[in-house]
Amino acid sequence: MRLGLISDIHADHRALARALDILAARGVDRVVCMGDIVEKGPDGDRVVATLREHLVACVRGNHDDNAVRRWHDGDRTGDDLLHDPDSVAFLAALPAERAYCWDGVHVVLSHIAPAGLDAAVLPGHVPKPLLRALRNYDADLVLLGHTHRPMCTRHGDRWFINPGSVAGARGRDSHTCAILELPSLALTVYSLHDARPVPLLAQR
């Protein structure tokens, strides 16, 4: 199975379209998104519509939560607003995490971390509270977003992978997507600038 990975789109529709084109050209079987679909950019409604059209399985990020809260609070300030109530309903209905088993690999999707933890995984570092929480999960692989940094790191028999951010407007944005092959867990990260692979070393 070839799984397309995207995260942290931040209402950048042009970047999302580029990522989906790169993934489609390489024959992915499905695409998943690890949250932060909206805010910071101007095309939140269009991004949501495109994800729905392409049947992308998404989890809710902290900016998605914030956008829903702003909508219900009547906050109409800023150029990153949602205007379509269907977009708000879609984001509000997203789960904080999803679990799958693909080709014998047990996979958990979350934005920052499963179990509602605000403990970001960084290359070579998995926070201890997350390791404790994962004792209750049947997960060989945890797919994450939030940091905007492509990452592939392992703790014990469990892998943690982040495709980086689709968004590319700010200095910390990686402007990348990724393809993960299952069950081998072979990961390739692609630059959205030129569609070329980005060197990425797996870290223990």
N, C-alpha and C. Protein backbone atom coordinates (compact mmCIF):
# COMPACT_ATOMS: atom_id res chain seq x y z
N MET A 1 0.85 -1.19 0.00
CA MET A 1 0.00 0.00 0.00
C MET A 1 0.88 1.24 0.00
N ARG A 2 0.50 2.21 -0.80
CA ARG A 2 1.21 3.49 -0.86
C ARG A 2 0.28 4.57 -0.27
N LEU A 3 0.71 5.11 0.86
CA LEU A 3 -0.12 6.04 1.62
C LEU A 3 0.44 7.45 1.46
N GLY A 4 -0.39 8.38 0.98
CA GLY A 4 0.00 9.78 0.86
C GLY A 4 -0.21 10.50 2.18
N LEU A 5 0.79 11.26 2.61
CA LEU A 5 0.75 11.95 3.90
C LEU A 5 0.82 13.46 3.68
N ILE A 6 -0.13 14.19 4.27
CA ILE A 6 -0.10 15.64 4.26
C ILE A 6 -0.48 16.14 5.64
N SER A 7 -0.06 17.35 5.96
CA SER A 7 -0.42 17.96 7.24
C SER A 7 -0.20 19.46 7.17
N ASP A 8 -0.79 20.17 8.11
CA ASP A 8 -0.54 21.60 8.29
C ASP A 8 -0.65 22.37 6.98
N ILE A 9 -1.84 22.31 6.41
CA ILE A 9 -2.12 23.00 5.15
C ILE A 9 -2.30 24.50 5.38
N HIS A 10 -2.92 24.84 6.49
CA HIS A 10 -3.12 26.24 6.90
C HIS A 10 -3.74 27.09 5.79
N ALA A 11 -4.82 26.55 5.21
CA ALA A 11 -5.66 27.30 4.27
C ALA A 11 -4.90 27.75 3.03
N ASP A 12 -3.86 27.01 2.65
CA ASP A 12 -3.09 27.31 1.44
C ASP A 12 -3.55 26.35 0.35
N HIS A 13 -4.54 26.76 -0.42
CA HIS A 13 -5.12 25.85 -1.40
C HIS A 13 -4.16 25.53 -2.54
N ARG A 14 -3.39 26.50 -2.95
CA ARG A 14 -2.44 26.25 -4.03
C ARG A 14 -1.44 25.16 -3.64
N ALA A 15 -0.95 25.22 -2.41
CA ALA A 15 -0.01 24.21 -1.94
C ALA A 15 -0.68 22.85 -1.81
N LEU A 16 -1.91 22.83 -1.33
CA LEU A 16 -2.65 21.57 -1.22
C LEU A 16 -2.82 20.93 -2.59
N ALA A 17 -3.23 21.72 -3.59
CA ALA A 17 -3.41 21.17 -4.94
C ALA A 17 -2.10 20.60 -5.48
N ARG A 18 -1.00 21.29 -5.20
CA ARG A 18 0.31 20.81 -5.63
C ARG A 18 0.63 19.47 -4.96
N ALA A 19 0.39 19.38 -3.67
CA ALA A 19 0.66 18.14 -2.95
C ALA A 19 -0.18 16.99 -3.50
N LEU A 20 -1.46 17.22 -3.71
CA LEU A 20 -2.32 16.17 -4.22
C LEU A 20 -1.91 15.72 -5.61
N ASP A 21 -1.45 16.67 -6.44
CA ASP A 21 -0.97 16.31 -7.78
C ASP A 21 0.28 15.43 -7.70
N ILE A 22 1.20 15.78 -6.82
CA ILE A 22 2.43 14.99 -6.65
C ILE A 22 2.10 13.58 -6.18
N LEU A 23 1.20 13.47 -5.21
CA LEU A 23 0.83 12.16 -4.68
C LEU A 23 0.09 11.33 -5.72
N ALA A 24 -0.81 11.95 -6.46
CA ALA A 24 -1.56 11.22 -7.49
C ALA A 24 -0.64 10.72 -8.59
N ALA A 25 0.33 11.54 -8.98
CA ALA A 25 1.26 11.15 -10.04
C ALA A 25 2.11 9.96 -9.65
N ARG A 26 2.24 9.73 -8.34
CA ARG A 26 3.06 8.62 -7.85
C ARG A 26 2.20 7.44 -7.38
N GLY A 27 0.93 7.50 -7.70
CA GLY A 27 0.06 6.34 -7.54
C GLY A 27 -0.26 5.94 -6.11
N VAL A 28 -0.51 6.92 -5.23
CA VAL A 28 -0.88 6.55 -3.87
C VAL A 28 -2.27 5.92 -3.86
N ASP A 29 -2.49 5.05 -2.90
CA ASP A 29 -3.78 4.38 -2.78
C ASP A 29 -4.79 5.22 -2.01
N ARG A 30 -4.30 6.00 -1.06
CA ARG A 30 -5.17 6.94 -0.34
C ARG A 30 -4.31 7.99 0.31
N VAL A 31 -4.97 9.07 0.76
CA VAL A 31 -4.27 10.20 1.38
C VAL A 31 -4.88 10.46 2.75
N VAL A 32 -4.01 10.74 3.72
CA VAL A 32 -4.47 11.13 5.06
C VAL A 32 -3.85 12.47 5.42
N CYS A 33 -4.55 13.20 6.27
CA CYS A 33 -4.10 14.53 6.69
C CYS A 33 -4.10 14.61 8.21
N MET A 34 -2.97 15.08 8.75
CA MET A 34 -2.81 15.13 10.20
C MET A 34 -3.14 16.50 10.79
N GLY A 35 -4.10 17.19 10.23
CA GLY A 35 -4.67 18.36 10.89
C GLY A 35 -4.04 19.71 10.56
N ASP A 36 -4.57 20.74 11.23
CA ASP A 36 -4.28 22.15 10.93
C ASP A 36 -4.57 22.42 9.46
N ILE A 37 -5.81 22.18 9.12
CA ILE A 37 -6.32 22.35 7.77
C ILE A 37 -6.49 23.83 7.43
N VAL A 38 -6.91 24.62 8.40
CA VAL A 38 -7.27 26.02 8.16
C VAL A 38 -6.47 26.96 9.05
N GLU A 39 -6.79 28.24 8.92
CA GLU A 39 -6.16 29.37 9.60
C GLU A 39 -4.77 29.67 9.04
N LYS A 40 -4.37 30.91 9.18
CA LYS A 40 -3.11 31.50 8.70
C LYS A 40 -3.16 31.86 7.22
N GLY A 41 -3.96 31.15 6.42
CA GLY A 41 -4.07 31.43 4.99
C GLY A 41 -5.49 31.84 4.62
N PRO A 42 -5.70 32.26 3.36
CA PRO A 42 -6.98 32.85 2.98
C PRO A 42 -8.01 31.89 2.40
N ASP A 43 -7.65 30.62 2.17
CA ASP A 43 -8.52 29.74 1.39
C ASP A 43 -9.06 28.56 2.20
N GLY A 44 -9.45 28.81 3.44
CA GLY A 44 -9.90 27.73 4.29
C GLY A 44 -11.08 26.95 3.74
N ASP A 45 -12.09 27.66 3.26
CA ASP A 45 -13.28 26.98 2.73
C ASP A 45 -12.92 26.13 1.51
N ARG A 46 -12.07 26.66 0.66
CA ARG A 46 -11.69 25.92 -0.54
C ARG A 46 -10.85 24.70 -0.20
N VAL A 47 -9.99 24.82 0.78
CA VAL A 47 -9.18 23.68 1.22
C VAL A 47 -10.07 22.57 1.77
N VAL A 48 -11.02 22.94 2.61
CA VAL A 48 -11.95 21.95 3.17
C VAL A 48 -12.71 21.25 2.04
N ALA A 49 -13.22 22.02 1.08
CA ALA A 49 -13.98 21.43 -0.03
C ALA A 49 -13.12 20.45 -0.82
N THR A 50 -11.85 20.78 -1.04
CA THR A 50 -10.97 19.90 -1.81
C THR A 50 -10.66 18.62 -1.05
N LEU A 51 -10.42 18.73 0.25
CA LEU A 51 -10.19 17.52 1.06
C LEU A 51 -11.41 16.61 1.03
N ARG A 52 -12.57 17.20 1.11
CA ARG A 52 -13.81 16.40 1.06
C ARG A 52 -13.97 15.75 -0.31
N GLU A 53 -13.69 16.50 -1.36
CA GLU A 53 -13.83 15.98 -2.72
C GLU A 53 -12.90 14.79 -2.96
N HIS A 54 -11.71 14.85 -2.39
CA HIS A 54 -10.72 13.79 -2.59
C HIS A 54 -10.80 12.70 -1.52
N LEU A 55 -11.79 12.77 -0.66
CA LEU A 55 -12.02 11.75 0.37
C LEU A 55 -10.77 11.54 1.24
N VAL A 56 -10.11 12.64 1.59
CA VAL A 56 -8.94 12.57 2.44
C VAL A 56 -9.38 12.37 3.89
N ALA A 57 -8.85 11.35 4.53
CA ALA A 57 -9.16 11.10 5.95
C ALA A 57 -8.34 12.07 6.79
N CYS A 58 -9.02 12.89 7.60
CA CYS A 58 -8.37 13.95 8.35
C CYS A 58 -8.60 13.79 9.85
N VAL A 59 -7.65 14.30 10.63
CA VAL A 59 -7.88 14.52 12.05
C VAL A 59 -7.85 16.02 12.31
N ARG A 60 -8.38 16.40 13.45
CA ARG A 60 -8.54 17.81 13.80
C ARG A 60 -7.27 18.34 14.47
N GLY A 61 -6.79 19.49 14.00
CA GLY A 61 -5.64 20.14 14.61
C GLY A 61 -6.05 21.28 15.51
N ASN A 62 -5.07 21.86 16.21
CA ASN A 62 -5.38 22.95 17.13
C ASN A 62 -5.91 24.17 16.41
N HIS A 63 -5.44 24.45 15.20
CA HIS A 63 -5.97 25.59 14.46
C HIS A 63 -7.38 25.32 13.93
N ASP A 64 -7.69 24.06 13.67
CA ASP A 64 -9.05 23.71 13.27
C ASP A 64 -10.01 23.93 14.44
N ASP A 65 -9.59 23.51 15.63
CA ASP A 65 -10.37 23.80 16.84
C ASP A 65 -10.59 25.30 17.00
N ASN A 66 -9.52 26.05 16.80
CA ASN A 66 -9.59 27.49 16.99
C ASN A 66 -10.54 28.13 15.99
N ALA A 67 -10.52 27.67 14.74
CA ALA A 67 -11.40 28.23 13.72
C ALA A 67 -12.87 27.98 14.05
N VAL A 68 -13.16 26.78 14.55
CA VAL A 68 -14.55 26.47 14.94
C VAL A 68 -14.98 27.34 16.11
N ARG A 69 -14.08 27.50 17.08
CA ARG A 69 -14.39 28.34 18.24
C ARG A 69 -14.62 29.79 17.83
N ARG A 70 -13.78 30.30 16.95
CA ARG A 70 -13.94 31.68 16.47
C ARG A 70 -15.29 31.86 15.78
N TRP A 71 -15.67 30.88 14.99
CA TRP A 71 -16.95 30.96 14.28
C TRP A 71 -18.12 31.06 15.26
N HIS A 72 -18.11 30.19 16.26
CA HIS A 72 -19.22 30.18 17.22
C HIS A 72 -19.18 31.37 18.16
N ASP A 73 -18.01 31.97 18.34
CA ASP A 73 -17.90 33.18 19.18
C ASP A 73 -18.24 34.44 18.40
N GLY A 74 -18.48 34.30 17.10
CA GLY A 74 -18.80 35.47 16.29
C GLY A 74 -17.60 36.32 15.95
N ASP A 75 -16.39 35.75 16.06
CA ASP A 75 -15.16 36.48 15.74
C ASP A 75 -15.03 36.58 14.23
N ARG A 76 -15.15 37.78 13.70
CA ARG A 76 -15.08 37.98 12.25
C ARG A 76 -13.87 38.83 11.87
N THR A 77 -12.82 38.77 12.66
CA THR A 77 -11.61 39.53 12.39
C THR A 77 -10.57 38.65 11.71
N GLY A 78 -9.73 39.26 10.90
CA GLY A 78 -8.65 38.53 10.24
C GLY A 78 -9.03 38.11 8.84
N ASP A 79 -8.00 37.83 8.04
CA ASP A 79 -8.22 37.44 6.64
C ASP A 79 -8.20 35.93 6.45
N ASP A 80 -8.18 35.18 7.56
CA ASP A 80 -8.15 33.71 7.48
C ASP A 80 -9.47 33.09 7.93
N LEU A 81 -10.54 33.86 7.81
CA LEU A 81 -11.84 33.40 8.30
C LEU A 81 -12.44 32.34 7.40
N LEU A 82 -13.25 31.49 7.99
CA LEU A 82 -14.13 30.62 7.24
C LEU A 82 -15.44 31.36 6.97
N HIS A 83 -16.03 31.10 5.82
CA HIS A 83 -17.29 31.76 5.47
C HIS A 83 -18.42 30.77 5.23
N ASP A 84 -18.10 29.50 5.05
CA ASP A 84 -19.09 28.48 4.73
C ASP A 84 -19.39 27.66 5.98
N PRO A 85 -20.66 27.67 6.43
CA PRO A 85 -21.00 26.87 7.61
C PRO A 85 -20.72 25.38 7.43
N ASP A 86 -20.73 24.90 6.18
CA ASP A 86 -20.41 23.49 5.95
C ASP A 86 -18.94 23.20 6.29
N SER A 87 -18.06 24.17 6.06
CA SER A 87 -16.65 23.99 6.43
C SER A 87 -16.52 23.86 7.94
N VAL A 88 -17.23 24.72 8.65
CA VAL A 88 -17.18 24.69 10.11
C VAL A 88 -17.71 23.36 10.63
N ALA A 89 -18.82 22.90 10.06
CA ALA A 89 -19.41 21.63 10.49
C ALA A 89 -18.45 20.47 10.22
N PHE A 90 -17.77 20.50 9.06
CA PHE A 90 -16.81 19.45 8.73
C PHE A 90 -15.68 19.40 9.76
N LEU A 91 -15.11 20.57 10.08
CA LEU A 91 -14.01 20.62 11.03
C LEU A 91 -14.46 20.20 12.43
N ALA A 92 -15.64 20.65 12.82
CA ALA A 92 -16.14 20.32 14.16
C ALA A 92 -16.38 18.83 14.33
N ALA A 93 -16.70 18.15 13.23
CA ALA A 93 -17.00 16.71 13.29
C ALA A 93 -15.75 15.84 13.21
N LEU A 94 -14.61 16.43 12.89
CA LEU A 94 -13.40 15.61 12.76
C LEU A 94 -12.98 15.05 14.10
N PRO A 95 -12.50 13.81 14.12
CA PRO A 95 -11.98 13.23 15.36
C PRO A 95 -10.58 13.77 15.65
N ALA A 96 -10.19 13.72 16.90
CA ALA A 96 -8.84 14.13 17.28
C ALA A 96 -7.80 13.08 16.87
N GLU A 97 -8.25 11.85 16.70
CA GLU A 97 -7.34 10.79 16.24
C GLU A 97 -8.13 9.72 15.50
N ARG A 98 -7.42 8.99 14.67
CA ARG A 98 -8.00 7.87 13.93
C ARG A 98 -7.06 6.68 14.04
N ALA A 99 -7.61 5.49 13.95
CA ALA A 99 -6.81 4.27 14.00
C ALA A 99 -7.19 3.36 12.83
N TYR A 100 -6.17 2.77 12.22
CA TYR A 100 -6.37 1.87 11.08
C TYR A 100 -5.42 0.68 11.22
N CYS A 101 -5.72 -0.36 10.45
CA CYS A 101 -4.77 -1.43 10.25
C CYS A 101 -4.66 -1.65 8.75
N TRP A 102 -3.50 -1.33 8.18
CA TRP A 102 -3.26 -1.45 6.75
C TRP A 102 -2.09 -2.39 6.52
N ASP A 103 -2.31 -3.41 5.73
CA ASP A 103 -1.26 -4.39 5.43
C ASP A 103 -0.58 -4.90 6.69
N GLY A 104 -1.37 -5.12 7.73
CA GLY A 104 -0.86 -5.66 8.97
C GLY A 104 -0.18 -4.66 9.87
N VAL A 105 -0.14 -3.39 9.47
CA VAL A 105 0.49 -2.34 10.28
C VAL A 105 -0.61 -1.55 11.00
N HIS A 106 -0.51 -1.49 12.32
CA HIS A 106 -1.48 -0.73 13.12
C HIS A 106 -1.03 0.73 13.19
N VAL A 107 -1.89 1.61 12.69
CA VAL A 107 -1.54 3.01 12.49
C VAL A 107 -2.49 3.90 13.29
N VAL A 108 -1.93 4.89 13.98
CA VAL A 108 -2.72 5.91 14.66
C VAL A 108 -2.36 7.26 14.06
N LEU A 109 -3.38 8.06 13.73
CA LEU A 109 -3.21 9.42 13.24
C LEU A 109 -3.60 10.39 14.32
N SER A 110 -2.81 11.43 14.52
CA SER A 110 -3.14 12.50 15.45
C SER A 110 -2.43 13.76 14.97
N HIS A 111 -2.76 14.90 15.55
CA HIS A 111 -2.10 16.14 15.13
C HIS A 111 -0.83 16.37 15.94
N ILE A 112 -0.97 16.66 17.23
CA ILE A 112 0.21 16.83 18.08
C ILE A 112 0.65 15.49 18.65
N ALA A 113 -0.29 14.80 19.29
CA ALA A 113 0.00 13.50 19.89
C ALA A 113 -1.32 12.83 20.24
N PRO A 114 -1.37 11.49 20.24
CA PRO A 114 -2.58 10.81 20.68
C PRO A 114 -2.88 11.06 22.15
N ALA A 115 -4.05 10.63 22.55
CA ALA A 115 -4.52 10.71 23.94
C ALA A 115 -4.69 12.15 24.42
N GLY A 116 -4.85 13.08 23.47
CA GLY A 116 -5.08 14.47 23.84
C GLY A 116 -3.89 15.17 24.44
N LEU A 117 -2.70 14.61 24.27
CA LEU A 117 -1.50 15.20 24.86
C LEU A 117 -0.96 16.33 24.00
N ASP A 118 -0.46 17.36 24.66
CA ASP A 118 0.19 18.48 23.98
C ASP A 118 1.70 18.29 24.14
N ALA A 119 2.19 17.23 23.54
CA ALA A 119 3.59 16.83 23.72
C ALA A 119 4.15 16.43 22.36
N ALA A 120 4.75 17.39 21.67
CA ALA A 120 5.19 17.16 20.30
C ALA A 120 6.38 16.21 20.25
N VAL A 121 6.35 15.33 19.24
CA VAL A 121 7.47 14.43 19.00
C VAL A 121 8.46 15.12 18.06
N LEU A 122 9.72 15.09 18.42
CA LEU A 122 10.79 15.68 17.62
C LEU A 122 11.77 14.58 17.23
N PRO A 123 12.58 14.81 16.20
CA PRO A 123 13.53 13.76 15.79
C PRO A 123 14.39 13.29 16.96
N GLY A 124 14.34 12.00 17.23
CA GLY A 124 15.13 11.44 18.30
C GLY A 124 14.56 11.64 19.69
N HIS A 125 13.39 12.27 19.81
CA HIS A 125 12.83 12.54 21.14
C HIS A 125 11.32 12.31 21.16
N VAL A 126 10.90 11.31 21.93
CA VAL A 126 9.47 11.05 22.15
C VAL A 126 9.19 11.33 23.62
N PRO A 127 8.31 12.30 23.94
CA PRO A 127 8.07 12.66 25.34
C PRO A 127 7.59 11.47 26.17
N LYS A 128 8.06 11.39 27.40
CA LYS A 128 7.70 10.26 28.26
C LYS A 128 6.20 10.14 28.51
N PRO A 129 5.45 11.27 28.70
CA PRO A 129 4.00 11.11 28.88
C PRO A 129 3.33 10.43 27.68
N LEU A 130 3.84 10.69 26.49
CA LEU A 130 3.28 10.03 25.31
C LEU A 130 3.61 8.55 25.30
N LEU A 131 4.83 8.21 25.65
CA LEU A 131 5.19 6.79 25.71
C LEU A 131 4.31 6.03 26.70
N ARG A 132 4.02 6.67 27.84
CA ARG A 132 3.13 6.03 28.82
C ARG A 132 1.73 5.87 28.25
N ALA A 133 1.22 6.92 27.60
CA ALA A 133 -0.13 6.86 27.05
C ALA A 133 -0.25 5.80 25.97
N LEU A 134 0.80 5.61 25.19
CA LEU A 134 0.75 4.67 24.08
C LEU A 134 0.76 3.22 24.53
N ARG A 135 0.98 2.97 25.83
CA ARG A 135 0.85 1.60 26.32
C ARG A 135 -0.57 1.08 26.13
N ASN A 136 -1.53 2.00 26.04
CA ASN A 136 -2.93 1.62 25.87
C ASN A 136 -3.35 1.56 24.40
N TYR A 137 -2.39 1.72 23.49
CA TYR A 137 -2.68 1.73 22.05
C TYR A 137 -2.01 0.54 21.38
N ASP A 138 -2.72 -0.03 20.43
CA ASP A 138 -2.14 -1.04 19.56
C ASP A 138 -1.64 -0.31 18.32
N ALA A 139 -0.43 0.23 18.40
CA ALA A 139 0.08 1.08 17.32
C ALA A 139 1.52 0.72 17.01
N ASP A 140 1.76 0.33 15.75
CA ASP A 140 3.13 0.15 15.26
C ASP A 140 3.69 1.47 14.75
N LEU A 141 2.78 2.35 14.34
CA LEU A 141 3.15 3.58 13.67
C LEU A 141 2.22 4.70 14.11
N VAL A 142 2.80 5.86 14.44
CA VAL A 142 2.02 7.04 14.80
C VAL A 142 2.33 8.12 13.77
N LEU A 143 1.30 8.61 13.08
CA LEU A 143 1.45 9.67 12.09
C LEU A 143 1.01 10.99 12.71
N LEU A 144 1.87 12.00 12.62
CA LEU A 144 1.67 13.26 13.32
C LEU A 144 1.89 14.45 12.40
N GLY A 145 1.50 15.64 12.89
CA GLY A 145 1.77 16.91 12.23
C GLY A 145 2.32 17.89 13.24
N HIS A 146 1.88 19.14 13.12
CA HIS A 146 2.07 20.20 14.11
C HIS A 146 3.43 20.89 14.06
N THR A 147 4.52 20.17 13.97
CA THR A 147 5.83 20.81 14.07
C THR A 147 6.29 21.46 12.77
N HIS A 148 5.64 21.13 11.66
CA HIS A 148 6.03 21.61 10.33
C HIS A 148 7.41 21.10 9.92
N ARG A 149 7.87 20.03 10.54
CA ARG A 149 9.19 19.47 10.25
C ARG A 149 9.04 18.01 9.84
N PRO A 150 9.49 17.65 8.63
CA PRO A 150 9.47 16.23 8.28
C PRO A 150 10.31 15.43 9.26
N MET A 151 9.82 14.25 9.62
CA MET A 151 10.48 13.48 10.66
C MET A 151 10.16 12.01 10.50
N CYS A 152 11.15 11.18 10.79
CA CYS A 152 10.95 9.74 10.89
C CYS A 152 11.82 9.27 12.03
N THR A 153 11.22 8.91 13.14
CA THR A 153 11.99 8.51 14.32
C THR A 153 11.36 7.29 14.95
N ARG A 154 12.16 6.53 15.68
CA ARG A 154 11.67 5.28 16.25
C ARG A 154 12.00 5.22 17.73
N HIS A 155 11.05 4.65 18.49
CA HIS A 155 11.31 4.35 19.90
C HIS A 155 10.87 2.91 20.13
N GLY A 156 11.83 2.05 20.41
CA GLY A 156 11.50 0.63 20.52
C GLY A 156 11.03 0.10 19.19
N ASP A 157 9.87 -0.56 19.19
CA ASP A 157 9.31 -1.10 17.96
C ASP A 157 8.30 -0.17 17.30
N ARG A 158 8.15 1.04 17.83
CA ARG A 158 7.13 1.96 17.33
C ARG A 158 7.78 3.12 16.56
N TRP A 159 7.21 3.41 15.40
CA TRP A 159 7.70 4.49 14.55
C TRP A 159 6.80 5.71 14.66
N PHE A 160 7.42 6.89 14.53
CA PHE A 160 6.71 8.17 14.54
C PHE A 160 7.12 8.93 13.28
N ILE A 161 6.13 9.29 12.48
CA ILE A 161 6.41 9.94 11.18
C ILE A 161 5.58 11.21 11.04
N ASN A 162 6.22 12.25 10.52
CA ASN A 162 5.58 13.54 10.26
C ASN A 162 6.00 13.97 8.86
N PRO A 163 5.04 14.27 7.97
CA PRO A 163 5.41 14.67 6.60
C PRO A 163 5.82 16.13 6.48
N GLY A 164 5.79 16.88 7.59
CA GLY A 164 6.04 18.31 7.53
C GLY A 164 4.80 19.06 7.10
N SER A 165 4.96 20.33 6.77
CA SER A 165 3.80 21.17 6.44
C SER A 165 3.63 21.32 4.93
N VAL A 166 2.39 21.17 4.48
CA VAL A 166 2.06 21.52 3.10
C VAL A 166 2.26 23.02 2.90
N ALA A 167 1.84 23.81 3.89
CA ALA A 167 2.01 25.26 3.81
C ALA A 167 3.48 25.61 3.61
N GLY A 168 3.70 26.70 2.86
CA GLY A 168 5.08 27.09 2.59
C GLY A 168 5.33 28.58 2.67
N ALA A 169 4.41 29.32 3.30
CA ALA A 169 4.50 30.78 3.27
C ALA A 169 5.43 31.35 4.33
N ARG A 170 5.73 30.58 5.37
CA ARG A 170 6.51 31.10 6.48
C ARG A 170 7.83 30.35 6.63
N GLY A 171 8.75 30.97 7.33
CA GLY A 171 10.09 30.42 7.43
C GLY A 171 10.15 29.03 8.00
N ARG A 172 9.27 28.71 8.95
CA ARG A 172 9.33 27.39 9.58
C ARG A 172 8.59 26.32 8.78
N ASP A 173 7.92 26.71 7.69
CA ASP A 173 7.17 25.75 6.89
C ASP A 173 8.11 24.92 6.02
N SER A 174 7.86 23.62 5.96
CA SER A 174 8.72 22.76 5.14
C SER A 174 8.25 22.67 3.69
N HIS A 175 6.95 22.93 3.43
CA HIS A 175 6.37 22.90 2.08
C HIS A 175 6.61 21.53 1.45
N THR A 176 6.12 20.50 2.15
CA THR A 176 6.37 19.12 1.75
C THR A 176 5.13 18.25 1.88
N CYS A 177 5.18 17.10 1.24
CA CYS A 177 4.24 16.00 1.45
C CYS A 177 5.09 14.73 1.46
N ALA A 178 4.45 13.59 1.67
CA ALA A 178 5.24 12.35 1.76
C ALA A 178 4.44 11.15 1.28
N ILE A 179 5.17 10.11 0.94
CA ILE A 179 4.57 8.81 0.61
C ILE A 179 5.19 7.76 1.52
N LEU A 180 4.33 7.00 2.15
CA LEU A 180 4.76 5.92 3.03
C LEU A 180 4.30 4.59 2.43
N GLU A 181 5.24 3.69 2.23
CA GLU A 181 4.91 2.37 1.71
C GLU A 181 4.71 1.40 2.87
N LEU A 182 3.61 0.68 2.82
CA LEU A 182 3.28 -0.32 3.85
C LEU A 182 3.25 -1.70 3.21
N PRO A 183 3.75 -2.71 3.92
CA PRO A 183 4.16 -2.72 5.33
C PRO A 183 5.63 -2.39 5.57
N SER A 184 6.40 -2.03 4.54
CA SER A 184 7.84 -1.86 4.72
C SER A 184 8.21 -0.61 5.53
N LEU A 185 7.28 0.38 5.60
CA LEU A 185 7.51 1.66 6.27
C LEU A 185 8.59 2.49 5.58
N ALA A 186 8.78 2.27 4.29
CA ALA A 186 9.70 3.09 3.51
C ALA A 186 9.04 4.45 3.27
N LEU A 187 9.73 5.52 3.67
CA LEU A 187 9.18 6.87 3.61
C LEU A 187 9.97 7.72 2.62
N THR A 188 9.24 8.45 1.77
CA THR A 188 9.85 9.44 0.89
C THR A 188 9.12 10.76 1.08
N VAL A 189 9.86 11.81 1.41
CA VAL A 189 9.31 13.15 1.56
C VAL A 189 9.63 13.93 0.29
N TYR A 190 8.62 14.65 -0.22
CA TYR A 190 8.77 15.39 -1.47
C TYR A 190 8.64 16.89 -1.22
N SER A 191 9.53 17.65 -1.84
CA SER A 191 9.41 19.11 -1.83
C SER A 191 8.28 19.53 -2.77
N LEU A 192 7.42 20.44 -2.32
CA LEU A 192 6.38 20.95 -3.20
C LEU A 192 6.93 21.99 -4.17
N HIS A 193 8.16 22.45 -3.96
CA HIS A 193 8.78 23.41 -4.89
C HIS A 193 9.09 22.74 -6.23
N ASP A 194 9.71 21.55 -6.17
CA ASP A 194 10.17 20.92 -7.40
C ASP A 194 9.78 19.45 -7.52
N ALA A 195 8.99 18.94 -6.57
CA ALA A 195 8.50 17.55 -6.58
C ALA A 195 9.63 16.53 -6.43
N ARG A 196 10.78 16.96 -5.96
CA ARG A 196 11.90 16.04 -5.77
C ARG A 196 11.94 15.53 -4.33
N PRO A 197 12.49 14.34 -4.14
CA PRO A 197 12.62 13.82 -2.78
C PRO A 197 13.54 14.70 -1.94
N VAL A 198 13.17 14.83 -0.66
CA VAL A 198 13.96 15.58 0.30
C VAL A 198 14.75 14.57 1.14
N PRO A 199 16.06 14.73 1.26
CA PRO A 199 16.83 13.79 2.09
C PRO A 199 16.31 13.79 3.52
N LEU A 200 16.07 12.63 4.04
CA LEU A 200 15.55 12.50 5.40
C LEU A 200 16.09 11.22 5.99
N LEU A 201 16.86 11.34 7.06
CA LEU A 201 17.43 10.18 7.71
C LEU A 201 16.54 9.74 8.85
N ALA A 202 16.25 8.46 8.93
CA ALA A 202 15.52 7.91 10.07
C ALA A 202 16.40 8.06 11.30
N GLN A 203 15.80 8.46 12.41
CA GLN A 203 16.55 8.66 13.65
C GLN A 203 15.95 7.80 14.74
N ARG A 204 16.83 7.20 15.54
CA ARG A 204 16.36 6.40 16.68
C ARG A 204 16.15 7.30 17.88
